[in-house]
Amino acid sequence: MARSIVLKIPHALGRAEATRRIEEGIARARPTLPAVVSFREMSRDEGSISFAIDALGQTVNAQISIEDDYVIFDANLPILLSPFSGMASSAVGKWATRLLRVPQV
């Protein structure tokens, strides 16, 4: 059965800064992905980023909704990738939390 990953990550950056960090994070992450994973398409709309990722011959459709104080990551994993949902959820959660962390001075 296909599986959804939905993560709500709080932040204190405001929408514009959170969007900037996420876009930069995606740009930095793309060249480091394993050969079996690639971005197929990406689009940006007011307050959201949508993209498709090809992984192991399957397509994962995802959307990141960016609000003033939280980000929602929502991805639909096809049935063949559903066993990896826990690992993917953990990796995305850690990645997003690191991107959205306010540096302590």
C-alpha atoms as a PDB file:
ATOM      1  CA  MET A   1       0.000   0.000   0.000  1.00  0.00           C
ATOM      2  CA  ALA A   2       1.233   3.508  -0.806  1.00  0.00           C
ATOM      3  CA  ARG A   3       2.252   5.557   2.192  1.00  0.00           C
ATOM      4  CA  SER A   4       2.129   9.271   2.985  1.00  0.00           C
ATOM      5  CA  ILE A   5       4.732  11.122   4.988  1.00  0.00           C
ATOM      6  CA  VAL A   6       3.460  14.274   6.662  1.00  0.00           C
ATOM      7  CA  LEU A   7       5.747  16.287   8.927  1.00  0.00           C
ATOM      8  CA  LYS A   8       4.982  19.585  10.656  1.00  0.00           C
ATOM      9  CA  ILE A   9       8.183  21.364  11.612  1.00  0.00           C
ATOM     10  CA  PRO A  10       7.977  24.515  13.760  1.00  0.00           C
ATOM     11  CA  HIS A  11      10.286  27.471  13.206  1.00  0.00           C
ATOM     12  CA  ALA A  12      10.700  31.080  14.324  1.00  0.00           C
ATOM     13  CA  LEU A  13      12.055  32.542  11.090  1.00  0.00           C
ATOM     14  CA  GLY A  14       9.031  33.947   9.312  1.00  0.00           C
ATOM     15  CA  ARG A  15       7.814  32.741   5.937  1.00  0.00           C
ATOM     16  CA  ALA A  16      10.331  34.576   3.737  1.00  0.00           C
ATOM     17  CA  GLU A  17      13.433  33.369   5.610  1.00  0.00           C
ATOM     18  CA  ALA A  18      12.101  29.819   5.942  1.00  0.00           C
ATOM     19  CA  THR A  19      11.403  29.746   2.195  1.00  0.00           C
ATOM     20  CA  ARG A  20      14.891  31.045   1.403  1.00  0.00           C
ATOM     21  CA  ARG A  21      16.554  28.436   3.622  1.00  0.00           C
ATOM     22  CA  ILE A  22      14.502  25.568   2.218  1.00  0.00           C
ATOM     23  CA  GLU A  23      15.169  26.588  -1.390  1.00  0.00           C
ATOM     24  CA  GLU A  24      18.899  26.886  -0.679  1.00  0.00           C
ATOM     25  CA  GLY A  25      18.842  23.552   1.152  1.00  0.00           C
ATOM     26  CA  ILE A  26      17.207  21.818  -1.807  1.00  0.00           C
ATOM     27  CA  ALA A  27      19.728  23.359  -4.200  1.00  0.00           C
ATOM     28  CA  ARG A  28      22.638  22.153  -2.014  1.00  0.00           C
ATOM     29  CA  ALA A  29      21.132  18.686  -1.551  1.00  0.00           C
ATOM     30  CA  ARG A  30      20.434  17.929  -5.211  1.00  0.00           C
ATOM     31  CA  PRO A  31      24.047  17.222  -6.280  1.00  0.00           C
ATOM     32  CA  THR A  32      24.666  15.049  -3.206  1.00  0.00           C
ATOM     33  CA  LEU A  33      21.779  12.628  -3.815  1.00  0.00           C
ATOM     34  CA  PRO A  34      22.668   9.022  -4.660  1.00  0.00           C
ATOM     35  CA  ALA A  35      22.628   8.081  -8.358  1.00  0.00           C
ATOM     36  CA  VAL A  36      19.314   6.211  -7.915  1.00  0.00           C
ATOM     37  CA  VAL A  37      17.565   9.440  -6.772  1.00  0.00           C
ATOM     38  CA  SER A  38      16.927  12.504  -8.936  1.00  0.00           C
ATOM     39  CA  PHE A  39      14.694  15.560  -8.982  1.00  0.00           C
ATOM     40  CA  ARG A  40      12.386  15.365 -11.971  1.00  0.00           C
ATOM     41  CA  GLU A  41      10.569  18.666 -11.594  1.00  0.00           C
ATOM     42  CA  MET A  42      10.113  21.469  -9.117  1.00  0.00           C
ATOM     43  CA  SER A  43       7.775  24.448  -8.982  1.00  0.00           C
ATOM     44  CA  ARG A  44       7.293  27.273  -6.542  1.00  0.00           C
ATOM     45  CA  ASP A  45       4.046  28.987  -5.676  1.00  0.00           C
ATOM     46  CA  GLU A  46       3.148  31.547  -3.019  1.00  0.00           C
ATOM     47  CA  GLY A  47       3.907  29.726   0.225  1.00  0.00           C
ATOM     48  CA  SER A  48       4.707  26.306  -1.231  1.00  0.00           C
ATOM     49  CA  ILE A  49       7.238  24.283  -3.152  1.00  0.00           C
ATOM     50  CA  SER A  50       6.112  21.214  -5.113  1.00  0.00           C
ATOM     51  CA  PHE A  51       8.446  18.643  -6.601  1.00  0.00           C
ATOM     52  CA  ALA A  52       8.742  15.132  -7.933  1.00  0.00           C
ATOM     53  CA  ILE A  53      11.640  12.830  -7.170  1.00  0.00           C
ATOM     54  CA  ASP A  54      12.494   9.669  -9.055  1.00  0.00           C
ATOM     55  CA  ALA A  55      13.868   6.973  -6.770  1.00  0.00           C
ATOM     56  CA  LEU A  56      14.515   3.355  -7.696  1.00  0.00           C
ATOM     57  CA  GLY A  57      12.295   3.695 -10.766  1.00  0.00           C
ATOM     58  CA  GLN A  58       9.390   5.146  -8.751  1.00  0.00           C
ATOM     59  CA  THR A  59       8.091   8.704  -8.544  1.00  0.00           C
ATOM     60  CA  VAL A  60       7.539  10.461  -5.233  1.00  0.00           C
ATOM     61  CA  ASN A  61       5.368  13.590  -5.382  1.00  0.00           C
ATOM     62  CA  ALA A  62       5.910  16.023  -2.530  1.00  0.00           C
ATOM     63  CA  GLN A  63       4.904  19.464  -1.387  1.00  0.00           C
ATOM     64  CA  ILE A  64       6.377  21.780   1.210  1.00  0.00           C
ATOM     65  CA  SER A  65       3.919  24.340   2.578  1.00  0.00           C
ATOM     66  CA  ILE A  66       5.616  27.237   4.322  1.00  0.00           C
ATOM     67  CA  GLU A  67       3.818  29.259   6.974  1.00  0.00           C
ATOM     68  CA  ASP A  68       5.055  32.026   9.265  1.00  0.00           C
ATOM     69  CA  ASP A  69       5.833  29.654  12.145  1.00  0.00           C
ATOM     70  CA  TYR A  70       5.852  26.118  10.723  1.00  0.00           C
ATOM     71  CA  VAL A  71       6.539  24.106   7.594  1.00  0.00           C
ATOM     72  CA  ILE A  72       4.510  21.100   6.468  1.00  0.00           C
ATOM     73  CA  PHE A  73       6.266  18.473   4.364  1.00  0.00           C
ATOM     74  CA  ASP A  74       3.828  16.129   2.603  1.00  0.00           C
ATOM     75  CA  ALA A  75       5.009  13.306   0.327  1.00  0.00           C
ATOM     76  CA  ASN A  76       3.288  10.308  -1.204  1.00  0.00           C
ATOM     77  CA  LEU A  77       5.486   7.242  -1.501  1.00  0.00           C
ATOM     78  CA  PRO A  78       4.468   4.602  -4.041  1.00  0.00           C
ATOM     79  CA  ILE A  79       3.920   1.076  -2.785  1.00  0.00           C
ATOM     80  CA  LEU A  80       7.415  -0.111  -3.719  1.00  0.00           C
ATOM     81  CA  LEU A  81       9.010   2.686  -1.658  1.00  0.00           C
ATOM     82  CA  SER A  82       6.658   2.458   1.335  1.00  0.00           C
ATOM     83  CA  PRO A  83       9.085   0.227   3.308  1.00  0.00           C
ATOM     84  CA  PHE A  84      11.464   3.204   3.325  1.00  0.00           C
ATOM     85  CA  SER A  85       8.905   5.636   4.792  1.00  0.00           C
ATOM     86  CA  GLY A  86      10.349   5.581   8.317  1.00  0.00           C
ATOM     87  CA  MET A  87      13.873   6.202   7.109  1.00  0.00           C
ATOM     88  CA  ALA A  88      12.708   8.935   4.714  1.00  0.00           C
ATOM     89  CA  SER A  89      10.585  10.607   7.395  1.00  0.00           C
ATOM     90  CA  SER A  90      13.493  10.678   9.840  1.00  0.00           C
ATOM     91  CA  ALA A  91      15.948  12.014   7.249  1.00  0.00           C
ATOM     92  CA  VAL A  92      13.608  14.765   6.032  1.00  0.00           C
ATOM     93  CA  GLY A  93      12.714  15.757   9.605  1.00  0.00           C
ATOM     94  CA  LYS A  94      16.370  16.091  10.602  1.00  0.00           C
ATOM     95  CA  TRP A  95      17.247  17.947   7.400  1.00  0.00           C
ATOM     96  CA  ALA A  96      14.376  20.443   7.763  1.00  0.00           C
ATOM     97  CA  THR A  97      14.966  20.999  11.472  1.00  0.00           C
ATOM     98  CA  ARG A  98      18.646  21.747  10.790  1.00  0.00           C
ATOM     99  CA  LEU A  99      17.742  24.185   7.993  1.00  0.00           C
ATOM    100  CA  LEU A 100      15.154  26.010  10.073  1.00  0.00           C
ATOM    101  CA  ARG A 101      17.131  26.227  13.310  1.00  0.00           C
ATOM    102  CA  VAL A 102      17.837  29.753  14.474  1.00  0.00           C
ATOM    103  CA  PRO A 103      21.547  30.037  15.258  1.00  0.00           C
ATOM    104  CA  GLN A 104      22.239  30.894  18.885  1.00  0.00           C
ATOM    105  CA  VAL A 105      24.486  33.888  19.383  1.00  0.00           C
END
